[in-house]
Protein backbone atom coordinates (compact mmCIF):
# COMPACT_ATOMS: atom_id res chain seq x y z
CA MET A 1 8.70 -1.32 5.67
CA ILE A 2 5.68 -3.44 6.05
CA THR A 3 2.71 -1.96 7.70
CA ALA A 4 1.17 -4.71 9.64
CA GLY A 5 -1.20 -3.05 12.05
CA GLY A 6 -4.43 -3.63 10.25
CA ARG A 7 -7.32 -5.50 11.92
CA LEU A 8 -10.10 -7.63 10.31
CA SER A 9 -13.78 -6.91 10.39
CA PRO A 10 -15.69 -9.40 12.71
CA GLU A 11 -17.15 -11.17 9.66
CA LEU A 12 -13.60 -11.71 8.11
CA ALA A 13 -11.94 -12.54 11.44
CA ALA A 14 -14.57 -15.31 12.14
CA VAL A 15 -13.58 -16.92 8.95
CA CYS A 16 -9.80 -16.48 9.04
CA GLY A 17 -9.34 -17.40 12.88
CA THR A 18 -7.44 -14.26 13.60
CA THR A 19 -8.15 -10.47 14.01
CA VAL A 20 -4.63 -9.52 12.75
CA LYS A 21 -4.61 -9.18 8.91
CA ALA A 22 -0.89 -10.03 8.67
CA LEU A 23 -1.49 -13.60 10.19
CA VAL A 24 -4.37 -14.53 7.83
CA PRO A 25 -3.61 -17.96 6.47
CA LEU A 26 -3.53 -18.48 2.59
CA GLY A 27 -2.48 -21.70 1.27
CA ASP A 28 0.58 -22.87 3.11
CA SER A 29 1.55 -19.48 4.52
CA ARG A 30 0.13 -16.21 5.85
CA PHE A 31 -0.37 -12.83 4.24
CA ILE A 32 2.85 -11.36 5.79
CA ASP A 33 4.91 -14.36 4.97
CA ARG A 34 4.18 -13.70 1.31
CA VAL A 35 5.25 -10.12 1.44
CA VAL A 36 8.41 -10.89 3.40
CA PHE A 37 9.29 -13.56 0.96
CA ALA A 38 8.68 -11.29 -2.08
CA LEU A 39 11.02 -8.62 -0.58
CA ARG A 40 13.81 -10.95 0.29
CA ASP A 41 13.61 -12.83 -2.96
CA SER A 42 13.96 -9.64 -4.95
CA GLY A 43 17.64 -9.20 -3.57
CA ALA A 44 16.85 -5.46 -3.85
CA VAL A 45 15.99 -4.86 -0.12
CA SER A 46 18.65 -4.40 2.50
CA ALA A 47 16.37 -4.58 5.55
CA ILE A 48 12.88 -5.30 6.47
CA ALA A 49 10.99 -3.29 9.06
CA ILE A 50 7.56 -4.46 10.38
CA VAL A 51 5.29 -2.09 12.15
CA GLY A 52 2.32 -3.60 13.91
CA PRO A 53 1.50 -5.78 17.16
CA VAL A 54 5.11 -6.78 17.76
CA SER A 55 4.66 -9.34 20.49
CA GLU A 56 1.88 -11.05 18.61
CA LEU A 57 3.79 -11.19 15.37
CA GLN A 58 6.99 -12.36 16.83
CA ALA A 59 5.07 -15.04 18.87
CA ALA A 60 3.85 -16.30 15.47
CA GLY A 61 7.44 -16.67 14.20
CA ILE A 62 7.59 -13.67 11.90
CA ALA A 63 11.09 -12.52 11.43
CA ALA A 64 12.35 -8.85 10.61
CA ASP A 65 15.33 -6.79 10.67
CA VAL A 66 13.60 -3.96 12.53
CA TRP A 67 10.46 -3.87 14.71
CA ALA A 68 8.37 -0.98 15.69
CA ASP A 69 5.12 -1.12 17.78
CA GLU A 70 1.97 0.07 16.18
CA LYS A 71 0.23 3.30 17.12
CA MET A 72 -3.31 4.34 16.62
CA THR A 73 -3.41 5.37 12.89
CA GLY A 74 -1.85 4.17 9.76
CA PRO A 75 0.22 7.49 9.16
CA GLU A 76 1.39 7.15 12.81
CA ASN A 77 2.63 3.62 12.09
CA ILE A 78 4.58 4.84 9.02
CA GLN A 79 6.17 7.49 11.20
CA GLN A 80 7.12 4.70 13.72
CA GLY A 81 8.74 2.63 11.20
CA ILE A 82 10.81 5.51 9.79
CA VAL A 83 12.04 6.33 13.36
CA ALA A 84 13.02 2.66 13.88
CA LEU A 85 14.77 2.42 10.69
CA ARG A 86 16.79 5.51 11.30
CA GLU A 87 17.62 4.38 14.82
CA ALA A 88 18.85 1.10 13.47
CA GLY A 89 21.16 2.76 10.82
CA TYR A 90 19.18 1.39 7.84
CA LEU A 91 17.70 4.66 6.68
CA ILE A 92 20.09 7.64 6.09
CA GLY A 93 19.65 11.00 4.68
CA GLU A 94 17.03 11.53 1.82
CA GLU A 95 17.10 7.90 0.52
CA ARG A 96 13.66 6.48 -0.22
CA LEU A 97 12.04 3.51 1.16
CA LEU A 98 9.58 0.72 -0.18
CA LEU A 99 6.30 0.85 1.71
CA CYS A 100 4.27 -2.17 1.66
CA ALA A 101 0.84 -3.05 2.83
CA THR A 102 0.70 -6.45 4.76
CA ASP A 103 -2.03 -7.82 2.39
CA ALA A 104 -0.01 -7.35 -0.86
CA ILE A 105 -0.33 -11.17 -1.18
CA PHE A 106 0.50 -11.68 -4.79
CA LEU A 107 3.40 -9.24 -4.93
CA GLY A 108 6.35 -11.34 -6.11
CA ALA A 109 10.03 -10.54 -6.49
CA GLY A 110 9.81 -9.59 -10.01
CA THR A 111 7.02 -6.91 -9.28
CA VAL A 112 9.34 -5.44 -6.59
CA ILE A 113 12.19 -5.20 -8.96
CA ASP A 114 10.07 -3.64 -11.71
CA LEU A 115 8.86 -1.05 -9.32
CA LEU A 116 12.18 0.03 -8.07
CA ALA A 117 13.27 0.15 -11.70
CA VAL A 118 10.45 2.71 -12.36
CA ALA A 119 11.38 4.61 -9.13
CA GLN A 120 14.80 5.08 -10.30
CA THR A 121 13.61 6.93 -13.38
CA GLN A 122 12.02 9.39 -11.12
CA PRO A 123 14.71 10.29 -8.62
CA GLU A 124 13.09 13.55 -7.54
CA ALA A 125 9.65 11.95 -6.75
CA ASP A 126 8.72 12.07 -3.15
CA ILE A 127 6.13 9.47 -3.66
CA VAL A 128 5.86 6.88 -6.43
CA PHE A 129 2.41 5.39 -6.37
CA PRO A 130 1.73 2.92 -9.04
CA ILE A 131 -1.79 2.67 -10.46
CA VAL A 132 -3.27 -0.25 -12.63
CA ARG A 133 -5.85 0.01 -15.32
CA ARG A 134 -9.01 -1.99 -14.73
CA GLU A 135 -8.76 -4.00 -18.04
CA VAL A 136 -5.10 -4.98 -17.10
CA TYR A 137 -6.11 -5.89 -13.51
CA GLU A 138 -9.16 -8.02 -14.83
CA GLN A 139 -7.03 -9.72 -17.46
CA GLN A 140 -4.57 -10.86 -14.87
CA PHE A 141 -7.03 -11.59 -12.04
CA PRO A 142 -10.25 -12.57 -13.92
CA GLY A 143 -13.42 -12.63 -11.93
CA SER A 144 -11.91 -10.40 -8.99
CA PRO A 145 -14.21 -8.40 -6.83
CA ASN A 146 -11.66 -5.50 -6.86
CA VAL A 147 -12.98 -1.93 -7.09
CA TYR A 148 -11.74 0.99 -9.36
CA ALA A 149 -11.79 4.64 -9.35
CA PRO A 150 -13.38 6.03 -12.60
CA LEU A 151 -11.32 8.68 -14.29
CA ALA A 152 -11.60 10.50 -17.63
CA ASP A 153 -8.71 8.43 -18.99
CA GLY A 154 -9.99 5.03 -17.72
CA ALA A 155 -10.77 3.24 -14.49
CA PHE A 156 -7.76 2.59 -12.25
CA THR A 157 -6.97 0.82 -8.87
CA GLY A 158 -4.24 1.93 -6.57
CA SER A 159 -1.05 0.00 -5.49
CA SER A 160 -0.54 -1.68 -2.19
CA VAL A 161 3.17 -0.88 -2.55
CA GLN A 162 4.79 2.70 -2.99
CA VAL A 163 8.18 4.10 -2.84
CA VAL A 164 8.38 7.17 -0.59
CA ARG A 165 10.80 9.63 0.77
CA PRO A 166 10.62 9.62 4.55
CA SER A 167 11.46 13.33 5.04
CA ALA A 168 8.65 14.28 2.74
CA ILE A 169 6.19 11.94 4.54
CA GLU A 170 7.15 13.54 7.92
CA ARG A 171 6.66 17.10 6.53
CA CYS A 172 3.25 16.28 5.30
CA LEU A 173 2.13 14.19 8.31
CA PRO A 174 -0.79 16.45 9.62
CA TYR A 175 -2.07 16.48 6.02
CA ILE A 176 -1.76 12.82 5.79
CA GLU A 177 -3.53 12.28 9.13
CA LYS A 178 -6.47 14.33 7.88
CA ALA A 179 -6.55 12.52 4.65
CA PHE A 180 -6.37 9.11 6.37
CA ALA A 181 -9.33 10.24 8.69
CA ALA A 182 -11.38 11.52 5.74
CA ARG A 183 -10.71 8.50 3.46
CA LYS A 184 -14.32 7.05 3.61
CA SER A 185 -16.18 10.31 3.59
CA GLN A 186 -16.70 12.31 0.25
CA TRP A 187 -17.58 15.43 2.18
CA GLU A 188 -14.28 15.33 4.25
CA MET A 189 -12.21 14.60 1.22
CA ALA A 190 -13.94 17.49 -0.71
CA LYS A 191 -12.89 19.80 2.11
CA LEU A 192 -9.26 18.61 1.73
CA LEU A 193 -9.02 18.60 -2.06
CA GLY A 194 -11.66 21.24 -3.11
CA TRP A 195 -15.06 20.88 -4.63
CA ASN A 196 -13.83 21.52 -8.13
CA PHE A 197 -11.58 18.46 -7.80
CA THR A 198 -14.53 16.41 -6.23
CA TRP A 199 -16.94 17.50 -9.07
CA ARG A 200 -14.57 16.49 -11.87
CA PHE A 201 -14.26 13.23 -10.04
CA ILE A 202 -17.88 12.74 -9.71
CA THR A 203 -18.53 13.66 -13.38
CA ARG A 204 -15.57 11.65 -14.55
CA THR A 205 -13.85 14.48 -16.14
CA LEU A 206 -10.81 14.23 -13.75
CA THR A 207 -7.56 12.87 -15.48
CA VAL A 208 -4.75 10.98 -13.84
CA ASP A 209 -2.45 13.81 -14.51
CA ALA A 210 -4.82 16.38 -13.10
CA ALA A 211 -5.26 14.19 -10.01
CA VAL A 212 -1.46 13.87 -9.43
CA ALA A 213 -1.07 17.62 -9.97
CA LYS A 214 -3.76 18.40 -7.48
CA VAL A 215 -2.23 16.12 -4.71
CA SER A 216 1.30 17.54 -5.56
CA ALA A 217 0.00 21.08 -5.18
CA VAL A 218 -1.96 20.41 -1.85
CA THR A 219 0.84 18.65 -0.10
CA GLY A 220 3.93 20.19 -1.57
CA LEU A 221 5.27 16.78 -2.50
CA ASN A 222 6.52 15.66 -5.87
CA CYS A 223 4.04 12.83 -6.59
CA HIS A 224 4.46 10.36 -9.51
CA ALA A 225 1.64 7.73 -10.40
CA PRO A 226 2.92 5.53 -13.10
CA ILE A 227 0.53 3.30 -14.94
CA PHE A 228 1.88 -0.18 -13.94
CA PRO A 229 1.70 -3.31 -16.05
CA SER A 230 1.52 -5.97 -13.44
CA ALA A 231 -1.73 -6.15 -11.34
CA ARG A 232 0.16 -8.02 -8.62
CA ILE A 233 1.25 -4.77 -7.14
CA ALA A 234 -2.46 -3.83 -6.48
CA ALA A 235 -4.02 -7.02 -5.29
CA ASP A 236 -5.10 -6.94 -1.63
CA VAL A 237 -7.72 -8.28 0.70
CA ASP A 238 -10.24 -5.87 2.21
CA THR A 239 -13.47 -7.92 2.19
CA LEU A 240 -14.71 -11.53 2.63
CA ALA A 241 -15.15 -11.71 -1.13
CA ASP A 242 -11.66 -10.73 -1.70
CA TYR A 243 -10.46 -13.44 0.62
CA GLU A 244 -12.57 -15.96 -0.91
CA TYR A 245 -11.15 -14.98 -4.38
CA ALA A 246 -7.60 -15.19 -3.04
CA MET A 247 -8.21 -18.60 -1.68
CA LYS A 248 -9.67 -19.87 -4.81
CA LEU A 249 -6.72 -18.39 -6.83
CA THR A 250 -4.30 -20.01 -4.61
CA ARG A 251 -5.98 -23.51 -4.57
CA ASP A 252 -6.15 -23.46 -8.41
CA SER A 253 -2.58 -22.38 -8.99
């Protein structure tokens, strides 16, 4: 499933010529074209569902096996995609799906295959959320303006691609909605995760294992956060600096 409902800031939209993140040009393609190609080229994906402004994406020539119209929030969009995949017969029982952001622009087929191989080693995990060490990311994308979370065992950045169990996501949708709404407020996140967790994060005494254990305990989900060797899985575009870096990298390659 590709979540393609994201919109650009006015500053970025003025540069890119569109308000829809999925349709941002990069080299000779668009963001979403790159993600679709990586998924198809992997040979490991049976169907692709796209959630977003369907009429606009279809008018732009984007192709998918399943379409779902966007809702108001990211979690609602994921739910829309799950329902559409089930109704189309592609998602059955407790099997997991690959959830991709539309701006995972350097993903690549090999990275998809590697992530699925990691997920297969954790069959009980409801969410497989890869993380990448700062030094690994900066080695593979030197000069990147990417940001990182400082933890006791290093600085990390999160993946733009995850493996998730739909039924688990549906069970926790109210909590996920709260987390989505609180994602830019330390106060609101503290209320969700607790002050001890927040204090440990602020003082950089929080470890990856402790963070995963806390999220698992709060949500009731079996969460797994493997440290991933390829930074391609975490590369995304949120700011003008990110986009300028991606354009430079594309021109130079």
